[in-house]
N, C-alpha and C. Protein backbone atom coordinates (compact mmCIF):
# COMPACT_ATOMS: atom_id res chain seq x y z
N MET A 1 10.51 -41.29 -27.09
CA MET A 1 9.69 -40.14 -27.29
C MET A 1 10.05 -39.00 -26.31
N LEU A 2 10.74 -38.06 -26.78
CA LEU A 2 11.21 -37.04 -25.85
C LEU A 2 10.27 -35.72 -26.10
N GLY A 3 9.94 -35.13 -24.97
CA GLY A 3 9.13 -33.86 -25.14
C GLY A 3 7.73 -34.09 -25.47
N MET A 4 7.13 -35.22 -25.40
CA MET A 4 5.73 -35.39 -25.59
C MET A 4 4.91 -35.01 -24.40
N ALA A 5 3.80 -34.43 -24.67
CA ALA A 5 2.84 -34.01 -23.50
C ALA A 5 2.14 -35.25 -23.09
N GLU A 6 1.72 -35.16 -21.94
CA GLU A 6 0.94 -36.14 -21.31
C GLU A 6 -0.44 -36.29 -22.04
N GLN A 7 -0.94 -37.41 -22.43
CA GLN A 7 -2.24 -37.35 -23.00
C GLN A 7 -3.38 -37.16 -22.03
N HIS A 8 -3.28 -37.71 -20.83
CA HIS A 8 -4.29 -37.62 -19.82
C HIS A 8 -3.74 -36.94 -18.56
N PRO A 9 -3.82 -35.65 -18.45
CA PRO A 9 -3.24 -35.15 -17.21
C PRO A 9 -4.01 -35.55 -15.91
N ASP A 10 -3.29 -35.60 -14.85
CA ASP A 10 -3.85 -36.09 -13.58
C ASP A 10 -4.84 -35.03 -13.13
N PRO A 11 -6.15 -35.25 -13.04
CA PRO A 11 -7.05 -34.37 -12.52
C PRO A 11 -6.94 -34.04 -11.04
N ALA A 12 -6.41 -34.94 -10.22
CA ALA A 12 -6.18 -34.66 -8.86
C ALA A 12 -5.04 -33.73 -8.59
N GLY A 13 -4.10 -33.78 -9.47
CA GLY A 13 -2.94 -32.71 -9.36
C GLY A 13 -3.42 -31.34 -9.64
N SER A 14 -4.25 -31.13 -10.65
CA SER A 14 -4.78 -29.75 -10.99
C SER A 14 -5.77 -29.37 -9.88
N THR A 15 -6.56 -30.27 -9.35
CA THR A 15 -7.43 -29.96 -8.26
C THR A 15 -6.71 -29.58 -6.96
N GLN A 16 -5.70 -30.22 -6.65
CA GLN A 16 -4.90 -29.82 -5.50
C GLN A 16 -4.23 -28.50 -5.69
N GLN A 17 -3.73 -28.25 -6.93
CA GLN A 17 -3.18 -27.00 -7.15
C GLN A 17 -4.20 -25.86 -7.13
N PHE A 18 -5.39 -26.11 -7.56
CA PHE A 18 -6.49 -25.09 -7.43
C PHE A 18 -6.78 -24.77 -6.01
N ARG A 19 -6.99 -25.84 -5.22
CA ARG A 19 -7.22 -25.71 -3.85
C ARG A 19 -6.23 -24.92 -3.18
N ALA A 20 -4.92 -25.19 -3.39
CA ALA A 20 -3.85 -24.43 -2.74
C ALA A 20 -3.93 -22.99 -3.15
N PHE A 21 -4.16 -22.74 -4.46
CA PHE A 21 -4.30 -21.36 -4.93
C PHE A 21 -5.46 -20.65 -4.25
N ALA A 22 -6.66 -21.33 -4.18
CA ALA A 22 -7.84 -20.65 -3.65
C ALA A 22 -7.62 -20.40 -2.09
N HIS A 23 -6.90 -21.38 -1.47
CA HIS A 23 -6.64 -21.24 0.01
C HIS A 23 -5.63 -20.14 0.31
N GLN A 24 -4.72 -19.96 -0.59
CA GLN A 24 -3.79 -18.90 -0.51
C GLN A 24 -4.37 -17.50 -0.63
N ASN A 25 -5.30 -17.35 -1.57
CA ASN A 25 -5.98 -16.10 -1.79
C ASN A 25 -6.90 -15.74 -0.69
N GLU A 26 -7.52 -16.71 -0.07
CA GLU A 26 -8.43 -16.36 1.07
C GLU A 26 -7.58 -15.82 2.20
N GLN A 27 -6.36 -16.32 2.51
CA GLN A 27 -5.57 -15.87 3.50
C GLN A 27 -5.05 -14.48 3.30
N GLU A 28 -4.82 -14.13 2.04
CA GLU A 28 -4.17 -12.76 1.72
C GLU A 28 -5.19 -11.72 1.46
N ALA A 29 -6.52 -12.06 1.43
CA ALA A 29 -7.48 -10.96 1.23
C ALA A 29 -7.59 -10.04 2.43
N PRO A 30 -7.56 -8.75 2.19
CA PRO A 30 -7.70 -7.82 3.35
C PRO A 30 -9.04 -7.96 3.95
N PRO A 31 -9.12 -7.74 5.25
CA PRO A 31 -10.51 -7.83 5.79
C PRO A 31 -11.46 -6.72 5.32
N LYS A 32 -12.68 -7.10 5.12
CA LYS A 32 -13.64 -6.18 4.57
C LYS A 32 -13.99 -5.11 5.67
N ARG A 33 -14.09 -3.84 5.19
CA ARG A 33 -14.35 -2.72 6.11
C ARG A 33 -15.87 -2.51 5.97
N SER A 34 -16.44 -2.22 7.13
CA SER A 34 -17.90 -1.85 7.06
C SER A 34 -18.04 -0.36 6.68
N ASN A 35 -19.07 -0.12 5.80
CA ASN A 35 -19.36 1.24 5.38
C ASN A 35 -20.40 1.95 6.31
N VAL A 36 -20.82 1.27 7.40
CA VAL A 36 -21.81 1.79 8.23
C VAL A 36 -21.33 2.99 9.03
N LEU A 37 -20.14 2.90 9.51
CA LEU A 37 -19.58 4.03 10.40
C LEU A 37 -19.59 5.32 9.63
N PRO A 38 -18.99 5.44 8.46
CA PRO A 38 -18.94 6.73 7.73
C PRO A 38 -20.36 7.25 7.44
N ILE A 39 -21.25 6.41 7.12
CA ILE A 39 -22.65 6.86 6.85
C ILE A 39 -23.29 7.37 8.14
N VAL A 40 -23.10 6.67 9.30
CA VAL A 40 -23.68 7.24 10.50
C VAL A 40 -23.07 8.47 10.88
N ALA A 41 -21.74 8.65 10.75
CA ALA A 41 -21.05 9.80 11.03
C ALA A 41 -21.64 11.01 10.25
N ILE A 42 -21.84 10.82 8.99
CA ILE A 42 -22.32 11.89 8.04
C ILE A 42 -23.81 12.28 8.57
N VAL A 43 -24.64 11.33 8.86
CA VAL A 43 -26.00 11.54 9.37
C VAL A 43 -25.99 12.39 10.65
N VAL A 44 -25.08 11.97 11.52
CA VAL A 44 -25.05 12.73 12.79
C VAL A 44 -24.51 14.13 12.57
N ALA A 45 -23.61 14.28 11.72
CA ALA A 45 -23.02 15.66 11.45
C ALA A 45 -24.03 16.51 10.81
N LEU A 46 -24.90 16.02 9.98
CA LEU A 46 -26.06 16.69 9.27
C LEU A 46 -26.97 17.13 10.30
N ALA A 47 -27.33 16.20 11.20
CA ALA A 47 -28.26 16.43 12.29
C ALA A 47 -27.78 17.62 13.17
N VAL A 48 -26.51 17.60 13.58
CA VAL A 48 -25.98 18.70 14.48
C VAL A 48 -26.01 19.98 13.69
N VAL A 49 -25.65 20.07 12.37
CA VAL A 49 -25.68 21.16 11.65
C VAL A 49 -27.12 21.82 11.55
N ALA A 50 -28.11 20.80 11.35
CA ALA A 50 -29.49 21.29 11.21
C ALA A 50 -29.99 21.90 12.54
N VAL A 51 -29.74 21.18 13.69
CA VAL A 51 -30.12 21.77 14.95
C VAL A 51 -29.43 23.13 15.27
N ALA A 52 -28.15 23.21 14.87
CA ALA A 52 -27.45 24.42 15.15
C ALA A 52 -28.05 25.55 14.32
N ALA A 53 -28.34 25.30 12.97
CA ALA A 53 -29.00 26.33 12.13
C ALA A 53 -30.33 26.68 12.63
N TYR A 54 -31.11 25.68 13.09
CA TYR A 54 -32.48 26.09 13.62
C TYR A 54 -32.36 26.97 14.89
N LEU A 55 -31.50 26.59 15.81
CA LEU A 55 -31.31 27.40 16.97
C LEU A 55 -30.73 28.82 16.67
N LEU A 56 -29.93 28.99 15.67
CA LEU A 56 -29.44 30.30 15.39
C LEU A 56 -30.42 31.11 14.56
N LEU A 57 -31.33 30.60 13.82
CA LEU A 57 -32.31 31.38 13.06
C LEU A 57 -33.63 31.49 13.84
N LYS A 58 -33.77 30.88 14.98
CA LYS A 58 -35.00 31.05 15.81
C LYS A 58 -35.14 32.41 16.36
């Protein structure tokens, strides 16, 4: 019997392949950047503009 597919594939083989795939993706993922810094910078800039406008219009 040539070319016949295996009736019962080895579940350990597919599990090992999945673990290798998952482990590979974890290492290649770029580090997550925090969105806090841009938000803080915008708030500080708005505060500076508000204080400057208040002082100019006083």
